[in-house]
Amino acid sequence: MSPVSNTEPDLEYCHDTVQEVSRTFALTIDALGDPLADEICVGYLLCRIPDTIEDASHIPVATKSDLLQTFRATVASTSTTTSNGFVDAIQPWISTGTDSADWDLVRNAPTVIETFEAFDAKTKTAMRQPIQELTTGMIRFVERYAAENGLRIQSDLELRSYTHYVAGTVGTMITNLLTRESLPKEQRQTLETTKEAFGRLLQLVNISKDVYEDYTTENNIYLPAEWLAKEGVPQAELLSERNRTGVTRVIERVLTRAESHLSPAREFIQAMPIESGNTVAAWAIPYLLAVGTLRELQANPTNALEADAVKVPRSEVYAIAAAINETGRANLEGLQRIVADQRLDEFEGPITHV
């Protein structure tokens, strides 16, 4: 994908780019209607830009921190830092490697920011604070592990903190957008109580399945050092063949933590208002894909230590999308039970009212 040549609002560019950088999240956006599809699309890209910088092992830590601070200032409502200034700062570090779609996005940050600025004031207020908090958390973790130039989560508490910053904040942004208009008190309270669970669930599933890639590609270790130490495994020897049993036990602990978010994440989806372009499918599909990935990992947790990614097969993705569109959120718990047990595309029973 080539960079765009202007800094005008460009929703078409944003939607095309989401398809390039995250096919999974693109499923959510494709299932939404206007205006929420545009808002979630731009909001996701504004979270993906700092995430790409955080994971860039070729950028020195001090520079990485400065770049993230510049990006945060660019998004701020009172910022005097222009988006073009951010691109000028990042230009020497833009990678042309295998993740070129992510770096094309970084290069074209002005277009995404200008598209964000074209939203109305209420929408920008709903999105701005969570994006800035996400970026603030990334700065803190990058600086904390400056000596390693890669994250090294040390404890259970730190894992909770990290997932709050990089995923819980996304749940907050979604909730802010969904609650711009008046809602019944109980419905609003349910959303506020469960808003972080959805994002944390997806993040913990990713941490579990991407152990090999996170370490070898980005020099990041999210399995807590204290959990590994109980298994006699130093973080630096994460991928050693002799440590497979111990590391597998730690992966299973992360999977258990992810499972603890299933029920509140489902409550979050069930409490959502279906208006302003929102749909059940947009959130139920990634939720059920997370359930399917948990199933695959629980069956073979050592696969997370291999180069081949753990994935739900595309045929099951299609089956999940078709099932949730047919049955709606009233059947979400039943579909969860099926997918937790077996591939939905191989399920031979009725999917209604299971």
Protein backbone atom coordinates (compact mmCIF):
# COMPACT_ATOMS: atom_id res chain seq x y z
CA MET A 1 0.00 0.00 0.00
CA SER A 2 1.47 3.35 -0.99
CA PRO A 3 1.25 6.41 1.23
CA VAL A 4 -1.45 8.97 0.57
CA SER A 5 -0.24 12.38 -0.50
CA ASN A 6 -2.49 14.69 1.50
CA THR A 7 -3.61 15.34 5.05
CA GLU A 8 -7.31 15.77 4.31
CA PRO A 9 -9.93 13.61 6.04
CA ASP A 10 -10.13 10.33 4.14
CA LEU A 11 -12.50 7.68 5.49
CA GLU A 12 -11.95 5.48 2.46
CA TYR A 13 -8.23 5.32 3.23
CA CYS A 14 -8.98 4.44 6.87
CA HIS A 15 -11.33 1.60 5.95
CA ASP A 16 -8.92 0.23 3.35
CA THR A 17 -6.07 0.37 5.86
CA VAL A 18 -7.95 -1.54 8.56
CA GLN A 19 -8.30 -4.41 6.09
CA GLU A 20 -4.52 -4.39 5.66
CA VAL A 21 -3.38 -4.14 9.28
CA SER A 22 -5.97 -6.32 11.03
CA ARG A 23 -8.30 -8.65 9.19
CA THR A 24 -9.75 -9.75 12.52
CA PHE A 25 -10.71 -6.24 13.61
CA ALA A 26 -11.86 -5.55 10.05
CA LEU A 27 -14.57 -8.18 10.65
CA THR A 28 -15.95 -5.99 13.43
CA ILE A 29 -15.91 -2.83 11.34
CA ASP A 30 -17.46 -4.57 8.34
CA ALA A 31 -20.34 -5.70 10.56
CA LEU A 32 -21.06 -2.17 11.81
CA GLY A 33 -23.16 0.50 10.14
CA ASP A 34 -22.69 4.25 9.98
CA PRO A 35 -21.68 6.28 11.87
CA LEU A 36 -20.16 3.79 14.33
CA ALA A 37 -18.24 1.92 11.63
CA ASP A 38 -16.34 5.09 10.75
CA GLU A 39 -15.71 6.02 14.38
CA ILE A 40 -14.49 2.58 15.46
CA CYS A 41 -12.35 2.30 12.33
CA VAL A 42 -10.55 5.60 12.96
CA GLY A 43 -10.32 4.94 16.70
CA TYR A 44 -8.72 1.54 16.10
CA LEU A 45 -6.15 3.04 13.73
CA LEU A 46 -5.29 5.74 16.28
CA CYS A 47 -4.56 2.92 18.76
CA ARG A 48 -2.64 0.87 16.20
CA ILE A 49 -0.17 3.69 15.45
CA PRO A 50 1.34 3.87 18.97
CA ASP A 51 1.17 0.07 19.23
CA THR A 52 3.35 -0.23 16.13
CA ILE A 53 5.87 2.18 17.62
CA GLU A 54 5.88 0.41 20.99
CA ASP A 55 6.67 -2.91 19.31
CA ALA A 56 9.45 -1.54 17.09
CA SER A 57 12.64 -3.15 18.35
CA HIS A 58 14.77 -1.17 15.87
CA ILE A 59 13.94 2.18 17.53
CA PRO A 60 16.04 3.17 20.58
CA VAL A 61 13.99 3.41 23.75
CA ALA A 62 14.54 7.13 24.35
CA THR A 63 13.49 7.90 20.78
CA LYS A 64 10.52 5.54 21.05
CA SER A 65 9.34 7.31 24.20
CA ASP A 66 9.70 10.72 22.54
CA LEU A 67 7.74 9.54 19.50
CA LEU A 68 4.92 8.20 21.65
CA GLN A 69 4.79 11.45 23.61
CA THR A 70 4.66 13.41 20.37
CA PHE A 71 1.81 11.24 19.12
CA ARG A 72 -0.09 11.68 22.39
CA ALA A 73 0.32 15.44 22.16
CA THR A 74 -0.88 15.37 18.55
CA VAL A 75 -4.13 13.70 19.57
CA ALA A 76 -4.68 16.09 22.50
CA SER A 77 -7.33 18.74 22.02
CA THR A 78 -4.99 21.54 23.15
CA SER A 79 -1.98 20.31 21.21
CA THR A 80 0.37 22.66 19.41
CA THR A 81 2.14 19.66 17.88
CA THR A 82 1.00 19.03 14.32
CA SER A 83 0.48 15.61 12.87
CA ASN A 84 3.01 16.44 10.17
CA GLY A 85 5.51 17.15 12.95
CA PHE A 86 4.92 13.65 14.27
CA VAL A 87 5.57 12.18 10.84
CA ASP A 88 8.74 14.25 10.46
CA ALA A 89 9.96 12.78 13.76
CA ILE A 90 9.06 9.18 12.89
CA GLN A 91 10.24 9.30 9.26
CA PRO A 92 13.84 8.11 9.90
CA TRP A 93 12.49 5.06 11.75
CA ILE A 94 9.73 3.93 9.41
CA SER A 95 10.29 0.27 8.65
CA THR A 96 9.89 -1.21 5.20
CA GLY A 97 9.98 -4.80 6.47
CA THR A 98 7.36 -7.49 6.51
CA ASP A 99 4.85 -5.36 8.45
CA SER A 100 4.80 -2.65 5.81
CA ALA A 101 1.04 -2.10 6.16
CA ASP A 102 1.56 -1.01 9.78
CA TRP A 103 4.34 1.35 8.79
CA ASP A 104 2.32 2.77 5.89
CA LEU A 105 -0.29 3.56 8.52
CA VAL A 106 2.30 5.30 10.71
CA ARG A 107 3.53 7.27 7.70
CA ASN A 108 -0.01 8.37 6.97
CA ALA A 109 -0.91 9.31 10.55
CA PRO A 110 -1.84 12.88 9.43
CA THR A 111 -4.64 11.50 7.27
CA VAL A 112 -6.03 9.43 10.16
CA ILE A 113 -5.75 12.35 12.58
CA GLU A 114 -7.44 14.75 10.17
CA THR A 115 -10.24 12.20 9.70
CA PHE A 116 -10.59 12.03 13.49
CA GLU A 117 -10.68 15.84 13.71
CA ALA A 118 -13.58 15.92 11.24
CA PHE A 119 -15.84 14.12 13.75
CA ASP A 120 -18.19 16.16 15.91
CA ALA A 121 -17.04 17.38 19.33
CA LYS A 122 -18.98 14.76 21.32
CA THR A 123 -17.46 11.92 19.30
CA LYS A 124 -13.92 13.27 19.65
CA THR A 125 -14.37 13.66 23.40
CA ALA A 126 -15.55 10.04 23.65
CA MET A 127 -12.46 8.79 21.80
CA ARG A 128 -9.65 11.11 22.85
CA GLN A 129 -9.12 10.23 26.52
CA PRO A 130 -8.91 6.43 26.06
CA ILE A 131 -6.47 6.83 23.16
CA GLN A 132 -4.28 9.14 25.21
CA GLU A 133 -4.42 6.79 28.21
CA LEU A 134 -3.42 3.85 26.00
CA THR A 135 -0.44 5.84 24.71
CA THR A 136 0.51 6.93 28.24
CA GLY A 137 0.58 3.30 29.36
CA MET A 138 2.78 2.33 26.43
CA ILE A 139 5.22 5.11 27.32
CA ARG A 140 5.40 3.88 30.92
CA PHE A 141 6.14 0.30 29.93
CA VAL A 142 8.65 1.24 27.23
CA GLU A 143 10.57 3.40 29.71
CA ARG A 144 10.32 0.81 32.48
CA TYR A 145 12.12 -1.77 30.34
CA ALA A 146 14.51 0.58 28.59
CA ALA A 147 17.52 -1.62 29.34
CA GLU A 148 16.00 -4.58 27.50
CA ASN A 149 14.50 -2.54 24.62
CA GLY A 150 11.55 -4.90 24.90
CA LEU A 151 8.85 -5.51 27.48
CA ARG A 152 9.44 -8.01 30.30
CA ILE A 153 6.26 -8.37 32.34
CA GLN A 154 7.31 -9.26 35.87
CA SER A 155 4.19 -9.98 37.89
CA ASP A 156 0.49 -10.73 37.92
CA LEU A 157 -0.17 -7.12 38.92
CA GLU A 158 1.91 -5.83 36.02
CA LEU A 159 0.10 -8.09 33.58
CA ARG A 160 -3.21 -6.65 34.79
CA SER A 161 -1.85 -3.12 34.42
CA TYR A 162 -0.57 -3.75 30.92
CA THR A 163 -3.82 -5.29 29.69
CA HIS A 164 -5.70 -2.33 31.16
CA TYR A 165 -3.65 0.16 29.21
CA VAL A 166 -3.50 -1.58 25.85
CA ALA A 167 -6.92 -3.27 25.82
CA GLY A 168 -9.15 -2.07 28.65
CA THR A 169 -8.88 1.45 27.27
CA VAL A 170 -10.27 0.22 23.95
CA GLY A 171 -13.31 -1.12 25.83
CA THR A 172 -13.67 2.32 27.40
CA MET A 173 -13.58 4.00 23.99
CA ILE A 174 -16.25 1.63 22.66
CA THR A 175 -18.42 2.28 25.72
CA ASN A 176 -17.96 6.05 25.47
CA LEU A 177 -19.20 5.94 21.88
CA LEU A 178 -22.15 3.70 22.75
CA THR A 179 -23.26 5.83 25.71
CA ARG A 180 -23.21 9.27 24.11
CA GLU A 181 -26.98 9.30 24.23
CA SER A 182 -29.21 8.68 27.23
CA LEU A 183 -29.48 5.06 28.40
CA PRO A 184 -31.37 3.42 31.27
CA LYS A 185 -29.30 3.53 34.47
CA GLU A 186 -28.99 -0.26 34.82
CA GLN A 187 -27.91 -0.71 31.20
CA ARG A 188 -25.29 2.04 31.51
CA GLN A 189 -23.99 0.55 34.77
CA THR A 190 -23.60 -2.88 33.18
CA LEU A 191 -21.60 -1.41 30.32
CA GLU A 192 -19.38 0.56 32.68
CA THR A 193 -18.77 -2.48 34.90
CA THR A 194 -17.91 -4.85 32.05
CA LYS A 195 -16.35 -2.49 29.48
CA GLU A 196 -12.75 -3.59 30.08
CA ALA A 197 -13.48 -7.32 30.03
CA PHE A 198 -14.02 -7.49 26.27
CA GLY A 199 -10.67 -5.89 25.43
CA ARG A 200 -8.78 -7.77 28.14
CA LEU A 201 -10.17 -11.09 26.91
CA LEU A 202 -8.90 -10.51 23.38
CA GLN A 203 -5.53 -9.25 24.60
CA LEU A 204 -4.93 -12.22 26.91
CA VAL A 205 -5.83 -14.63 24.12
CA ASN A 206 -3.29 -12.87 21.89
CA ILE A 207 -0.65 -13.02 24.63
CA SER A 208 -1.27 -16.75 24.97
CA LYS A 209 -1.10 -17.61 21.29
CA ASP A 210 1.71 -15.26 20.22
CA VAL A 211 4.44 -16.18 22.73
CA TYR A 212 6.92 -17.16 20.02
CA GLU A 213 6.24 -14.25 17.70
CA ASP A 214 6.19 -11.63 20.47
CA TYR A 215 9.63 -12.73 21.63
CA THR A 216 11.38 -13.42 18.34
CA THR A 217 9.91 -10.55 16.32
CA GLU A 218 9.34 -7.79 18.87
CA ASN A 219 11.56 -8.81 21.82
CA ASN A 220 8.58 -8.74 24.17
CA ILE A 221 7.72 -11.26 26.90
CA TYR A 222 4.25 -10.97 28.42
CA LEU A 223 4.33 -14.19 30.46
CA PRO A 224 5.03 -12.87 33.98
CA ALA A 225 8.52 -13.55 35.29
CA GLU A 226 7.14 -14.54 38.70
CA TRP A 227 4.92 -17.20 37.11
CA LEU A 228 7.83 -18.53 35.06
CA ALA A 229 10.11 -18.53 38.11
CA LYS A 230 7.69 -20.83 39.94
CA GLU A 231 8.25 -23.29 37.09
CA GLY A 232 12.03 -22.81 37.26
CA VAL A 233 12.15 -20.92 33.96
CA PRO A 234 14.17 -17.71 33.49
CA GLN A 235 12.46 -15.31 31.09
CA ALA A 236 15.60 -15.25 28.93
CA GLU A 237 15.20 -19.01 28.35
CA LEU A 238 11.55 -18.81 27.41
CA LEU A 239 11.90 -20.80 24.18
CA SER A 240 14.46 -23.34 25.37
CA GLU A 241 13.37 -26.89 24.59
CA ARG A 242 14.08 -28.03 28.16
CA ASN A 243 11.65 -25.43 29.54
CA ARG A 244 8.65 -26.36 27.45
CA THR A 245 6.73 -28.06 30.24
CA GLY A 246 7.13 -25.13 32.62
CA VAL A 247 6.32 -22.49 30.01
CA THR A 248 3.26 -24.47 28.95
CA ARG A 249 1.96 -24.35 32.53
CA VAL A 250 2.34 -20.57 32.51
CA ILE A 251 0.51 -20.29 29.20
CA GLU A 252 -2.29 -22.33 30.76
CA ARG A 253 -2.43 -19.80 33.64
CA VAL A 254 -2.84 -16.98 31.13
CA LEU A 255 -5.59 -18.97 29.40
CA THR A 256 -7.36 -19.35 32.75
CA ARG A 257 -7.12 -15.60 33.26
CA ALA A 258 -8.57 -15.04 29.79
CA GLU A 259 -11.45 -17.40 30.56
CA SER A 260 -12.31 -15.35 33.65
CA HIS A 261 -13.24 -12.49 31.32
CA LEU A 262 -15.64 -14.53 29.17
CA SER A 263 -18.74 -14.00 31.27
CA PRO A 264 -18.38 -10.22 31.80
CA ALA A 265 -17.40 -9.75 28.14
CA ARG A 266 -20.57 -11.56 27.12
CA GLU A 267 -22.59 -9.34 29.48
CA PHE A 268 -20.99 -6.34 27.80
CA ILE A 269 -22.18 -7.49 24.38
CA GLN A 270 -25.65 -8.36 25.67
CA ALA A 271 -26.06 -4.92 27.30
CA MET A 272 -25.02 -2.90 24.25
CA PRO A 273 -27.55 -0.53 22.68
CA ILE A 274 -28.17 -1.52 19.06
CA GLU A 275 -28.33 1.88 17.43
CA SER A 276 -26.16 4.40 15.55
CA GLY A 277 -24.84 1.60 13.37
CA ASN A 278 -24.04 -0.83 16.19
CA THR A 279 -24.73 -4.53 15.68
CA VAL A 280 -24.43 -7.65 17.82
CA ALA A 281 -22.36 -9.42 15.17
CA ALA A 282 -19.62 -6.79 15.26
CA TRP A 283 -18.64 -7.79 18.79
CA ALA A 284 -19.97 -11.35 19.03
CA ILE A 285 -17.80 -12.53 16.13
CA PRO A 286 -14.43 -11.56 17.72
CA TYR A 287 -15.76 -12.81 21.07
CA LEU A 288 -16.53 -16.26 19.63
CA LEU A 289 -13.24 -16.28 17.71
CA ALA A 290 -11.50 -15.72 21.06
CA VAL A 291 -13.45 -18.68 22.47
CA GLY A 292 -12.35 -20.80 19.51
CA THR A 293 -8.73 -19.77 19.92
CA LEU A 294 -8.91 -20.64 23.62
CA ARG A 295 -10.19 -24.07 22.63
CA GLU A 296 -7.30 -24.63 20.23
CA LEU A 297 -4.72 -23.45 22.77
CA GLN A 298 -6.12 -25.52 25.61
CA ALA A 299 -5.89 -28.59 23.40
CA ASN A 300 -2.29 -27.83 22.34
CA PRO A 301 -0.74 -25.03 24.43
CA THR A 302 2.80 -25.82 23.22
CA ASN A 303 1.75 -24.59 19.77
CA ALA A 304 2.19 -21.06 21.12
CA LEU A 305 5.92 -21.78 21.28
CA GLU A 306 6.15 -22.49 17.55
CA ALA A 307 6.48 -20.14 14.60
CA ASP A 308 3.14 -21.18 13.09
CA ALA A 309 0.39 -19.06 14.56
CA VAL A 310 -2.54 -20.65 16.39
CA LYS A 311 -5.62 -19.76 14.34
CA VAL A 312 -9.29 -20.54 14.06
CA PRO A 313 -9.77 -21.92 10.52
CA ARG A 314 -11.41 -19.56 8.03
CA SER A 315 -14.29 -21.99 7.50
CA GLU A 316 -15.15 -21.67 11.18
CA VAL A 317 -14.92 -17.89 11.00
CA TYR A 318 -17.60 -17.96 8.29
CA ALA A 319 -19.70 -20.38 10.35
CA ILE A 320 -19.49 -18.14 13.41
CA ALA A 321 -20.52 -15.07 11.43
CA ALA A 322 -23.46 -16.90 9.88
CA ALA A 323 -24.59 -18.33 13.22
CA ILE A 324 -24.58 -15.04 15.12
CA ASN A 325 -26.37 -13.28 12.27
CA GLU A 326 -29.02 -16.01 12.35
CA THR A 327 -29.56 -16.28 16.08
CA GLY A 328 -28.58 -12.92 17.59
CA ARG A 329 -27.27 -12.22 21.06
CA ALA A 330 -29.99 -14.18 22.86
CA ASN A 331 -28.12 -17.30 21.77
CA LEU A 332 -24.60 -16.00 22.42
CA GLU A 333 -24.03 -18.13 25.51
CA GLY A 334 -25.20 -21.25 23.68
CA LEU A 335 -22.89 -20.55 20.76
CA GLN A 336 -20.08 -19.99 23.23
CA ARG A 337 -20.62 -23.46 24.70
CA ILE A 338 -20.52 -25.06 21.24
CA VAL A 339 -17.39 -23.21 20.09
CA ALA A 340 -15.62 -23.94 23.37
CA ASP A 341 -16.15 -27.65 22.74
CA GLN A 342 -15.67 -28.05 18.98
CA ARG A 343 -15.34 -26.25 15.66
CA LEU A 344 -18.65 -24.65 14.77
CA ASP A 345 -18.26 -25.52 11.07
CA GLU A 346 -18.20 -29.19 12.10
CA PHE A 347 -21.17 -28.97 14.49
CA GLU A 348 -24.08 -31.03 13.20
CA GLY A 349 -26.85 -30.05 15.62
CA PRO A 350 -29.19 -27.05 15.51
CA ILE A 351 -27.59 -23.75 16.53
CA THR A 352 -30.83 -22.06 17.56
CA HIS A 353 -31.61 -21.97 21.28
CA VAL A 354 -28.74 -24.27 22.22
